[in-house]
Amino acid sequence: MDRDEELVRGRVYGADHDDPRPGPQPGRDYAELVGGPLDGLLLDVTGWTPDEIDTGAALQTELGRFGAGGRAIYDPRPGDRYRWGWVGDTP
């Protein structure tokens, strides 16, 4: 694993890069993002309804195919609603 990958793994999506505690916090629920530009990040889904979790999310990222303003689409994997696989990118 290279240094950039190490910095991302275990971080929560949306956490500031200079946050002293960028990782998961006790009492919160997270989905692991698998594949694509946000691979290895955790998405805080605390308080999401089962329907919201089943829908997945289009997450804003500069790292995807469309650059700044683009979104990476992640959906829960069948049988594991807390591991979300990358579906693709959208503008």
PDB file of N, CA and C in Angstrom:
ATOM      1  N   MET A   1       0.844  -1.171   0.000  1.00  0.00           N
ATOM      2  CA  MET A   1       0.000   0.000   0.000  1.00  0.00           C
ATOM      3  C   MET A   1       0.895   1.241   0.000  1.00  0.00           C
ATOM      4  N   ASP A   2       0.634   2.186  -0.929  1.00  0.00           N
ATOM      5  CA  ASP A   2       1.463   3.385  -0.969  1.00  0.00           C
ATOM      6  C   ASP A   2       0.995   4.408   0.080  1.00  0.00           C
ATOM      7  N   ARG A   3       1.783   5.450   0.265  1.00  0.00           N
ATOM      8  CA  ARG A   3       1.526   6.438   1.319  1.00  0.00           C
ATOM      9  C   ARG A   3       0.162   7.119   1.158  1.00  0.00           C
ATOM     10  N   ASP A   4      -0.223   7.496  -0.075  1.00  0.00           N
ATOM     11  CA  ASP A   4      -1.515   8.138  -0.288  1.00  0.00           C
ATOM     12  C   ASP A   4      -2.656   7.216   0.115  1.00  0.00           C
ATOM     13  N   GLU A   5      -2.523   5.942  -0.221  1.00  0.00           N
ATOM     14  CA  GLU A   5      -3.551   4.971   0.123  1.00  0.00           C
ATOM     15  C   GLU A   5      -3.655   4.814   1.642  1.00  0.00           C
ATOM     16  N   GLU A   6      -2.527   4.828   2.324  1.00  0.00           N
ATOM     17  CA  GLU A   6      -2.527   4.718   3.786  1.00  0.00           C
ATOM     18  C   GLU A   6      -3.254   5.892   4.424  1.00  0.00           C
ATOM     19  N   LEU A   7      -3.100   7.079   3.866  1.00  0.00           N
ATOM     20  CA  LEU A   7      -3.743   8.257   4.424  1.00  0.00           C
ATOM     21  C   LEU A   7      -5.266   8.195   4.308  1.00  0.00           C
ATOM     22  N   VAL A   8      -5.763   7.537   3.273  1.00  0.00           N
ATOM     23  CA  VAL A   8      -7.199   7.470   3.032  1.00  0.00           C
ATOM     24  C   VAL A   8      -7.858   6.348   3.836  1.00  0.00           C
ATOM     25  N   ARG A   9      -7.240   5.209   3.932  1.00  0.00           N
ATOM     26  CA  ARG A   9      -7.851   4.052   4.595  1.00  0.00           C
ATOM     27  C   ARG A   9      -8.260   4.387   6.027  1.00  0.00           C
ATOM     28  N   GLY A  10      -9.489   4.007   6.381  1.00  0.00           N
ATOM     29  CA  GLY A  10      -9.978   4.215   7.729  1.00  0.00           C
ATOM     30  C   GLY A  10     -10.464   5.625   8.002  1.00  0.00           C
ATOM     31  N   ARG A  11     -10.422   6.489   7.000  1.00  0.00           N
ATOM     32  CA  ARG A  11     -10.913   7.864   7.165  1.00  0.00           C
ATOM     33  C   ARG A  11     -12.401   7.897   6.832  1.00  0.00           C
ATOM     34  N   VAL A  12     -13.071   8.842   7.420  1.00  0.00           N
ATOM     35  CA  VAL A  12     -14.494   9.019   7.172  1.00  0.00           C
ATOM     36  C   VAL A  12     -14.681  10.025   6.035  1.00  0.00           C
ATOM     37  N   TYR A  13     -15.503   9.662   5.067  1.00  0.00           N
ATOM     38  CA  TYR A  13     -15.820  10.548   3.949  1.00  0.00           C
ATOM     39  C   TYR A  13     -16.336  11.873   4.507  1.00  0.00           C
ATOM     40  N   GLY A  14     -15.795  12.967   4.005  1.00  0.00           N
ATOM     41  CA  GLY A  14     -16.225  14.292   4.419  1.00  0.00           C
ATOM     42  C   GLY A  14     -15.444  14.864   5.588  1.00  0.00           C
ATOM     43  N   ALA A  15     -14.608  14.039   6.256  1.00  0.00           N
ATOM     44  CA  ALA A  15     -13.797  14.553   7.365  1.00  0.00           C
ATOM     45  C   ALA A  15     -12.709  15.462   6.816  1.00  0.00           C
ATOM     46  N   ASP A  16     -12.416  16.536   7.515  1.00  0.00           N
ATOM     47  CA  ASP A  16     -11.342  17.434   7.103  1.00  0.00           C
ATOM     48  C   ASP A  16     -10.002  16.716   7.170  1.00  0.00           C
ATOM     49  N   HIS A  17      -9.110  17.050   6.242  1.00  0.00           N
ATOM     50  CA  HIS A  17      -7.787  16.416   6.221  1.00  0.00           C
ATOM     51  C   HIS A  17      -6.977  16.721   7.467  1.00  0.00           C
ATOM     52  N   ASP A  18      -7.237  17.855   8.111  1.00  0.00           N
ATOM     53  CA  ASP A  18      -6.487  18.195   9.314  1.00  0.00           C
ATOM     54  C   ASP A  18      -7.246  17.853  10.601  1.00  0.00           C
ATOM     55  N   ASP A  19      -8.348  17.125  10.469  1.00  0.00           N
ATOM     56  CA  ASP A  19      -9.115  16.684  11.644  1.00  0.00           C
ATOM     57  C   ASP A  19      -8.223  15.774  12.484  1.00  0.00           C
ATOM     58  N   PRO A  20      -8.081  16.061  13.774  1.00  0.00           N
ATOM     59  CA  PRO A  20      -7.219  15.214  14.603  1.00  0.00           C
ATOM     60  C   PRO A  20      -7.782  13.800  14.796  1.00  0.00           C
ATOM     61  N   ARG A  21      -9.086  13.624  14.541  1.00  0.00           N
ATOM     62  CA  ARG A  21      -9.707  12.298  14.660  1.00  0.00           C
ATOM     63  C   ARG A  21     -10.512  12.007  13.389  1.00  0.00           C
ATOM     64  N   PRO A  22      -9.821  11.731  12.272  1.00  0.00           N
ATOM     65  CA  PRO A  22     -10.513  11.547  11.000  1.00  0.00           C
ATOM     66  C   PRO A  22     -11.161  10.168  10.836  1.00  0.00           C
ATOM     67  N   GLY A  23     -10.939   9.285  11.794  1.00  0.00           N
ATOM     68  CA  GLY A  23     -11.447   7.925  11.692  1.00  0.00           C
ATOM     69  C   GLY A  23     -12.818   7.759  12.306  1.00  0.00           C
ATOM     70  N   PRO A  24     -13.285   6.528  12.325  1.00  0.00           N
ATOM     71  CA  PRO A  24     -14.616   6.254  12.867  1.00  0.00           C
ATOM     72  C   PRO A  24     -14.701   6.569  14.359  1.00  0.00           C
ATOM     73  N   GLN A  25     -15.892   6.992  14.768  1.00  0.00           N
ATOM     74  CA  GLN A  25     -16.144   7.344  16.159  1.00  0.00           C
ATOM     75  C   GLN A  25     -17.089   6.321  16.788  1.00  0.00           C
ATOM     76  N   PRO A  26     -16.922   6.037  18.067  1.00  0.00           N
ATOM     77  CA  PRO A  26     -17.813   5.095  18.749  1.00  0.00           C
ATOM     78  C   PRO A  26     -19.267   5.565  18.677  1.00  0.00           C
ATOM     79  N   GLY A  27     -20.166   4.609  18.562  1.00  0.00           N
ATOM     80  CA  GLY A  27     -21.584   4.923  18.545  1.00  0.00           C
ATOM     81  C   GLY A  27     -22.121   5.364  17.204  1.00  0.00           C
ATOM     82  N   ARG A  28     -21.299   5.331  16.162  1.00  0.00           N
ATOM     83  CA  ARG A  28     -21.719   5.724  14.810  1.00  0.00           C
ATOM     84  C   ARG A  28     -21.755   4.475  13.927  1.00  0.00           C
ATOM     85  N   ASP A  29     -22.558   4.507  12.877  1.00  0.00           N
ATOM     86  CA  ASP A  29     -22.635   3.408  11.915  1.00  0.00           C
ATOM     87  C   ASP A  29     -21.989   3.856  10.613  1.00  0.00           C
ATOM     88  N   TYR A  30     -21.168   2.973  10.032  1.00  0.00           N
ATOM     89  CA  TYR A  30     -20.432   3.319   8.819  1.00  0.00           C
ATOM     90  C   TYR A  30     -20.601   2.244   7.753  1.00  0.00           C
ATOM     91  N   ALA A  31     -20.610   2.696   6.500  1.00  0.00           N
ATOM     92  CA  ALA A  31     -20.532   1.798   5.356  1.00  0.00           C
ATOM     93  C   ALA A  31     -19.135   1.970   4.768  1.00  0.00           C
ATOM     94  N   GLU A  32     -18.485   0.866   4.452  1.00  0.00           N
ATOM     95  CA  GLU A  32     -17.166   0.922   3.820  1.00  0.00           C
ATOM     96  C   GLU A  32     -17.341   1.072   2.320  1.00  0.00           C
ATOM     97  N   LEU A  33     -16.660   2.042   1.731  1.00  0.00           N
ATOM     98  CA  LEU A  33     -16.718   2.264   0.290  1.00  0.00           C
ATOM     99  C   LEU A  33     -15.649   1.397  -0.371  1.00  0.00           C
ATOM    100  N   VAL A  34     -16.069   0.588  -1.353  1.00  0.00           N
ATOM    101  CA  VAL A  34     -15.185  -0.395  -1.970  1.00  0.00           C
ATOM    102  C   VAL A  34     -15.077  -0.115  -3.462  1.00  0.00           C
ATOM    103  N   GLY A  35     -13.849   0.062  -3.938  1.00  0.00           N
ATOM    104  CA  GLY A  35     -13.610   0.323  -5.347  1.00  0.00           C
ATOM    105  C   GLY A  35     -13.792   1.794  -5.674  1.00  0.00           C
ATOM    106  N   GLY A  36     -13.444   2.163  -6.880  1.00  0.00           N
ATOM    107  CA  GLY A  36     -13.632   3.533  -7.345  1.00  0.00           C
ATOM    108  C   GLY A  36     -12.745   4.541  -6.638  1.00  0.00           C
ATOM    109  N   PRO A  37     -13.046   5.816  -6.849  1.00  0.00           N
ATOM    110  CA  PRO A  37     -12.168   6.871  -6.348  1.00  0.00           C
ATOM    111  C   PRO A  37     -12.176   7.039  -4.826  1.00  0.00           C
ATOM    112  N   LEU A  38     -13.183   6.535  -4.140  1.00  0.00           N
ATOM    113  CA  LEU A  38     -13.275   6.702  -2.686  1.00  0.00           C
ATOM    114  C   LEU A  38     -12.999   5.404  -1.940  1.00  0.00           C
ATOM    115  N   ASP A  39     -12.376   4.462  -2.621  1.00  0.00           N
ATOM    116  CA  ASP A  39     -12.067   3.154  -2.037  1.00  0.00           C
ATOM    117  C   ASP A  39     -11.372   3.301  -0.688  1.00  0.00           C
ATOM    118  N   GLY A  40     -11.888   2.591   0.306  1.00  0.00           N
ATOM    119  CA  GLY A  40     -11.266   2.589   1.622  1.00  0.00           C
ATOM    120  C   GLY A  40     -11.836   3.602   2.595  1.00  0.00           C
ATOM    121  N   LEU A  41     -12.588   4.581   2.095  1.00  0.00           N
ATOM    122  CA  LEU A  41     -13.207   5.550   3.001  1.00  0.00           C
ATOM    123  C   LEU A  41     -14.432   4.930   3.661  1.00  0.00           C
ATOM    124  N   LEU A  42     -14.811   5.492   4.777  1.00  0.00           N
ATOM    125  CA  LEU A  42     -16.019   5.080   5.483  1.00  0.00           C
ATOM    126  C   LEU A  42     -17.054   6.183   5.349  1.00  0.00           C
ATOM    127  N   LEU A  43     -18.293   5.798   5.090  1.00  0.00           N
ATOM    128  CA  LEU A  43     -19.392   6.755   4.977  1.00  0.00           C
ATOM    129  C   LEU A  43     -20.247   6.640   6.225  1.00  0.00           C
ATOM    130  N   ASP A  44     -20.428   7.743   6.940  1.00  0.00           N
ATOM    131  CA  ASP A  44     -21.246   7.752   8.155  1.00  0.00           C
ATOM    132  C   ASP A  44     -22.718   7.652   7.746  1.00  0.00           C
ATOM    133  N   VAL A  45     -23.362   6.538   8.083  1.00  0.00           N
ATOM    134  CA  VAL A  45     -24.769   6.325   7.752  1.00  0.00           C
ATOM    135  C   VAL A  45     -25.632   6.302   9.016  1.00  0.00           C
ATOM    136  N   THR A  46     -25.098   6.845  10.089  1.00  0.00           N
ATOM    137  CA  THR A  46     -25.847   6.917  11.342  1.00  0.00           C
ATOM    138  C   THR A  46     -27.151   7.673  11.115  1.00  0.00           C
ATOM    139  N   GLY A  47     -28.244   7.074  11.516  1.00  0.00           N
ATOM    140  CA  GLY A  47     -29.546   7.719  11.382  1.00  0.00           C
ATOM    141  C   GLY A  47     -30.210   7.538  10.037  1.00  0.00           C
ATOM    142  N   TRP A  48     -29.517   6.904   9.084  1.00  0.00           N
ATOM    143  CA  TRP A  48     -30.129   6.652   7.779  1.00  0.00           C
ATOM    144  C   TRP A  48     -31.186   5.560   7.945  1.00  0.00           C
ATOM    145  N   THR A  49     -32.298   5.680   7.231  1.00  0.00           N
ATOM    146  CA  THR A  49     -33.333   4.648   7.248  1.00  0.00           C
ATOM    147  C   THR A  49     -32.863   3.473   6.394  1.00  0.00           C
ATOM    148  N   PRO A  50     -33.464   2.296   6.589  1.00  0.00           N
ATOM    149  CA  PRO A  50     -33.117   1.161   5.714  1.00  0.00           C
ATOM    150  C   PRO A  50     -33.313   1.485   4.230  1.00  0.00           C
ATOM    151  N   ASP A  51     -34.361   2.233   3.888  1.00  0.00           N
ATOM    152  CA  ASP A  51     -34.582   2.612   2.484  1.00  0.00           C
ATOM    153  C   ASP A  51     -33.467   3.510   1.957  1.00  0.00           C
ATOM    154  N   GLU A  52     -33.006   4.454   2.788  1.00  0.00           N
ATOM    155  CA  GLU A  52     -31.907   5.328   2.365  1.00  0.00           C
ATOM    156  C   GLU A  52     -30.629   4.522   2.152  1.00  0.00           C
ATOM    157  N   ILE A  53     -30.377   3.577   3.037  1.00  0.00           N
ATOM    158  CA  ILE A  53     -29.189   2.727   2.892  1.00  0.00           C
ATOM    159  C   ILE A  53     -29.301   1.880   1.637  1.00  0.00           C
ATOM    160  N   ASP A  54     -30.476   1.307   1.390  1.00  0.00           N
ATOM    161  CA  ASP A  54     -30.662   0.460   0.206  1.00  0.00           C
ATOM    162  C   ASP A  54     -30.514   1.249  -1.094  1.00  0.00           C
ATOM    163  N   THR A  55     -30.768   2.553  -1.045  1.00  0.00           N
ATOM    164  CA  THR A  55     -30.669   3.403  -2.237  1.00  0.00           C
ATOM    165  C   THR A  55     -29.229   3.696  -2.616  1.00  0.00           C
ATOM    166  N   GLY A  56     -28.317   3.706  -1.636  1.00  0.00           N
ATOM    167  CA  GLY A  56     -26.928   4.063  -1.917  1.00  0.00           C
ATOM    168  C   GLY A  56     -26.771   5.565  -1.976  1.00  0.00           C
ATOM    169  N   ALA A  57     -25.667   6.028  -2.560  1.00  0.00           N
ATOM    170  CA  ALA A  57     -25.392   7.465  -2.572  1.00  0.00           C
ATOM    171  C   ALA A  57     -24.507   7.859  -3.741  1.00  0.00           C
ATOM    172  N   ALA A  58     -24.699   9.088  -4.190  1.00  0.00           N
ATOM    173  CA  ALA A  58     -23.812   9.719  -5.174  1.00  0.00           C
ATOM    174  C   ALA A  58     -22.997  10.741  -4.386  1.00  0.00           C
ATOM    175  N   LEU A  59     -21.726  10.447  -4.175  1.00  0.00           N
ATOM    176  CA  LEU A  59     -20.876  11.232  -3.282  1.00  0.00           C
ATOM    177  C   LEU A  59     -19.959  12.164  -4.053  1.00  0.00           C
ATOM    178  N   GLN A  60     -19.974  13.417  -3.690  1.00  0.00           N
ATOM    179  CA  GLN A  60     -19.154  14.416  -4.369  1.00  0.00           C
ATOM    180  C   GLN A  60     -17.665  14.113  -4.163  1.00  0.00           C
ATOM    181  N   THR A  61     -16.916  14.170  -5.265  1.00  0.00           N
ATOM    182  CA  THR A  61     -15.476  13.938  -5.202  1.00  0.00           C
ATOM    183  C   THR A  61     -14.782  14.587  -6.391  1.00  0.00           C
ATOM    184  N   GLU A  62     -13.568  15.031  -6.159  1.00  0.00           N
ATOM    185  CA  GLU A  62     -12.738  15.569  -7.239  1.00  0.00           C
ATOM    186  C   GLU A  62     -11.904  14.462  -7.871  1.00  0.00           C
ATOM    187  N   LEU A  63     -11.935  13.284  -7.278  1.00  0.00           N
ATOM    188  CA  LEU A  63     -11.067  12.192  -7.709  1.00  0.00           C
ATOM    189  C   LEU A  63     -11.656  11.340  -8.829  1.00  0.00           C
ATOM    190  N   GLY A  64     -12.923  11.510  -9.136  1.00  0.00           N
ATOM    191  CA  GLY A  64     -13.579  10.689 -10.147  1.00  0.00           C
ATOM    192  C   GLY A  64     -13.333  11.163 -11.562  1.00  0.00           C
ATOM    193  N   ARG A  65     -13.990  10.512 -12.472  1.00  0.00           N
ATOM    194  CA  ARG A  65     -13.838  10.758 -13.908  1.00  0.00           C
ATOM    195  C   ARG A  65     -14.169  12.194 -14.312  1.00  0.00           C
ATOM    196  N   PHE A  66     -15.096  12.850 -13.579  1.00  0.00           N
ATOM    197  CA  PHE A  66     -15.559  14.172 -13.967  1.00  0.00           C
ATOM    198  C   PHE A  66     -14.897  15.299 -13.185  1.00  0.00           C
ATOM    199  N   GLY A  67     -13.923  14.974 -12.335  1.00  0.00           N
ATOM    200  CA  GLY A  67     -13.182  15.999 -11.599  1.00  0.00           C
ATOM    201  C   GLY A  67     -14.056  16.769 -10.623  1.00  0.00           C
ATOM    202  N   ALA A  68     -13.668  18.008 -10.359  1.00  0.00           N
ATOM    203  CA  ALA A  68     -14.378  18.846  -9.394  1.00  0.00           C
ATOM    204  C   ALA A  68     -15.862  18.938  -9.756  1.00  0.00           C
ATOM    205  N   GLY A  69     -16.705  18.718  -8.790  1.00  0.00           N
ATOM    206  CA  GLY A  69     -18.146  18.772  -9.016  1.00  0.00           C
ATOM    207  C   GLY A  69     -18.750  17.439  -9.411  1.00  0.00           C
ATOM    208  N   GLY A  70     -17.907  16.466  -9.757  1.00  0.00           N
ATOM    209  CA  GLY A  70     -18.410  15.144 -10.110  1.00  0.00           C
ATOM    210  C   GLY A  70     -18.791  14.340  -8.879  1.00  0.00           C
ATOM    211  N   ARG A  71     -19.441  13.237  -9.117  1.00  0.00           N
ATOM    212  CA  ARG A  71     -19.872  12.365  -8.024  1.00  0.00           C
ATOM    213  C   ARG A  71     -19.525  10.912  -8.346  1.00  0.00           C
ATOM    214  N   ALA A  72     -19.207  10.184  -7.291  1.00  0.00           N
ATOM    215  CA  ALA A  72     -18.981   8.743  -7.408  1.00  0.00           C
ATOM    216  C   ALA A  72     -20.211   8.053  -6.824  1.00  0.00           C
ATOM    217  N   ILE A  73     -20.744   7.096  -7.559  1.00  0.00           N
ATOM    218  CA  ILE A  73     -21.966   6.412  -7.134  1.00  0.00           C
ATOM    219  C   ILE A  73     -21.595   5.092  -6.464  1.00  0.00           C
ATOM    220  N   TYR A  74     -22.144   4.892  -5.269  1.00  0.00           N
ATOM    221  CA  TYR A  74     -21.916   3.672  -4.489  1.00  0.00           C
ATOM    222  C   TYR A  74     -23.246   3.086  -4.058  1.00  0.00           C
ATOM    223  N   ASP A  75     -23.373   1.772  -4.191  1.00  0.00           N
ATOM    224  CA  ASP A  75     -24.566   1.042  -3.768  1.00  0.00           C
ATOM    225  C   ASP A  75     -24.171  -0.072  -2.813  1.00  0.00           C
ATOM    226  N   PRO A  76     -25.052  -0.408  -1.864  1.00  0.00           N
ATOM    227  CA  PRO A  76     -24.760  -1.513  -0.959  1.00  0.00           C
ATOM    228  C   PRO A  76     -24.596  -2.806  -1.750  1.00  0.00           C
ATOM    229  N   ARG A  77     -23.662  -3.616  -1.323  1.00  0.00           N
ATOM    230  CA  ARG A  77     -23.467  -4.906  -1.973  1.00  0.00           C
ATOM    231  C   ARG A  77     -24.573  -5.855  -1.527  1.00  0.00           C
ATOM    232  N   PRO A  78     -25.033  -6.725  -2.417  1.00  0.00           N
ATOM    233  CA  PRO A  78     -26.077  -7.680  -2.039  1.00  0.00           C
ATOM    234  C   PRO A  78     -25.651  -8.493  -0.812  1.00  0.00           C
ATOM    235  N   GLY A  79     -26.528  -8.521   0.178  1.00  0.00           N
ATOM    236  CA  GLY A  79     -26.258  -9.298   1.378  1.00  0.00           C
ATOM    237  C   GLY A  79     -25.366  -8.608   2.394  1.00  0.00           C
ATOM    238  N   ASP A  80     -24.865  -7.411   2.086  1.00  0.00           N
ATOM    239  CA  ASP A  80     -23.993  -6.706   3.026  1.00  0.00           C
ATOM    240  C   ASP A  80     -24.210  -5.206   2.879  1.00  0.00           C
ATOM    241  N   ARG A  81     -25.203  -4.682   3.570  1.00  0.00           N
ATOM    242  CA  ARG A  81     -25.564  -3.274   3.405  1.00  0.00           C
ATOM    243  C   ARG A  81     -24.533  -2.311   3.981  1.00  0.00           C
ATOM    244  N   TYR A  82     -23.472  -2.832   4.602  1.00  0.00           N
ATOM    245  CA  TYR A  82     -22.438  -1.954   5.150  1.00  0.00           C
ATOM    246  C   TYR A  82     -21.121  -2.036   4.385  1.00  0.00           C
ATOM    247  N   ARG A  83     -21.152  -2.629   3.197  1.00  0.00           N
ATOM    248  CA  ARG A  83     -20.032  -2.573   2.236  1.00  0.00           C
ATOM    249  C   ARG A  83     -20.648  -2.126   0.928  1.00  0.00           C
ATOM    250  N   TRP A  84     -20.287  -0.937   0.497  1.00  0.00           N
ATOM    251  CA  TRP A  84     -20.890  -0.350  -0.688  1.00  0.00           C
ATOM    252  C   TRP A  84     -19.890  -0.372  -1.833  1.00  0.00           C
ATOM    253  N   GLY A  85     -20.312  -0.950  -2.946  1.00  0.00           N
ATOM    254  CA  GLY A  85     -19.467  -1.048  -4.125  1.00  0.00           C
ATOM    255  C   GLY A  85     -19.670   0.126  -5.068  1.00  0.00           C
ATOM    256  N   TRP A  86     -18.566   0.504  -5.712  1.00  0.00           N
ATOM    257  CA  TRP A  86     -18.576   1.597  -6.682  1.00  0.00           C
ATOM    258  C   TRP A  86     -19.325   1.152  -7.935  1.00  0.00           C
ATOM    259  N   VAL A  87     -20.247   1.992  -8.418  1.00  0.00           N
ATOM    260  CA  VAL A  87     -21.022   1.701  -9.610  1.00  0.00           C
ATOM    261  C   VAL A  87     -20.491   2.476 -10.809  1.00  0.00           C
ATOM    262  N   GLY A  88     -19.998   3.678 -10.557  1.00  0.00           N
ATOM    263  CA  GLY A  88     -19.485   4.534 -11.625  1.00  0.00           C
ATOM    264  C   GLY A  88     -19.477   5.979 -11.176  1.00  0.00           C
ATOM    265  N   ASP A  89     -19.169   6.862 -12.117  1.00  0.00           N
ATOM    266  CA  ASP A  89     -19.109   8.295 -11.833  1.00  0.00           C
ATOM    267  C   ASP A  89     -20.169   9.025 -12.637  1.00  0.00           C
ATOM    268  N   THR A  90     -20.563  10.179 -12.144  1.00  0.00           N
ATOM    269  CA  THR A  90     -21.543  11.017 -12.839  1.00  0.00           C
ATOM    270  C   THR A  90     -21.136  12.480 -12.686  1.00  0.00           C
ATOM    271  N   PRO A  91     -21.479  13.309 -13.657  1.00  0.00           N
ATOM    272  CA  PRO A  91     -21.125  14.739 -13.546  1.00  0.00           C
ATOM    273  C   PRO A  91     -21.906  15.424 -12.428  1.00  0.00           C
TER     274      PRO A  91
END
